Amino acid sequence: MEEEKTTWTCACGRVNDGNFCMKCGKPRPTVDPATSAQGTFQAMRMALVAGIIVIVALLGYGGYAAVSDQPQPAKTEQAAAPAPEASEASAKTPKKREKKEEKKTEAMPSFTDAPQGSAQAALIGYYDDITKRNMQSAYGRLSDAMQNQMGVYENFASGYQTTVSSQASDVKVLSSSDTQSTLSYTLTSKDRTDNGKTKVQTFRGQATLEKGADGTWKITDMNVKKQGERME
């Protein structure tokens, strides 16, 4: 194995790699083993001391962080911030539901929504009687000509055997006089089916009513056109 060559500087200033100076011829100075060992020991001791100082500094910083009981308001405030929004959302939800329920109720008028004794009230009352199974009263709201067209009472009543409900809504006056009124309306009927379900049908209708000498409105003409159908 070839011996590793090291350079050394002579007292005259020449850098050499041999055992003698190439300028003045002085021999390469020898290193005292004791001095070399002492220098090495000193270097190791200094490195050890530096390492201890670094460890103590790190432990000191970590220990301070571990035992520090200083509050951290920023994190607490951020965590608590969403709470009011959640409360507002839960408070607004019931209001939205109430509005929907109100609209749903308004869309389904009853007999009392029309002026008492008016042609509108007579038409709404006709379908209301059918829903309540007051078939004799419903039949009586038809003029003699309409009764003849519908057939005898028994045939009229049997035609609604499967009817669950029949309701007129969105009743509007197309033309009106003291003795005659033509109305448009939406009819929603529900009927039982053989499979136990309910068939819901919607119609757009038009009816003409005439006022008799006794002040009672009678239906003289009626026609409806189917708009849609669904099962419930």
Foldseek 3Di string as FASTA:
>chain_A
DDDDWDWDADPVGAIDGDQAGPPPGHGNDDDDPVVVVVVVVVVVVVVVVVVVVVVVVVVVVVVCVVPDPDDDVVVVCVVCVCVVVVVVVVVCVVVVVVVVVVVVVQQADALVVDPPLDPVSLVQVLQVCLLVVVQVVNLVQADPQVCVVQDDSVSNSVVSPFWNGKGWGPWDWPDDDPFKTKIKTKIWTWGADPVGKIKIWIWIKMWMWTADPVSRIHTHDIDIGTDDMDID
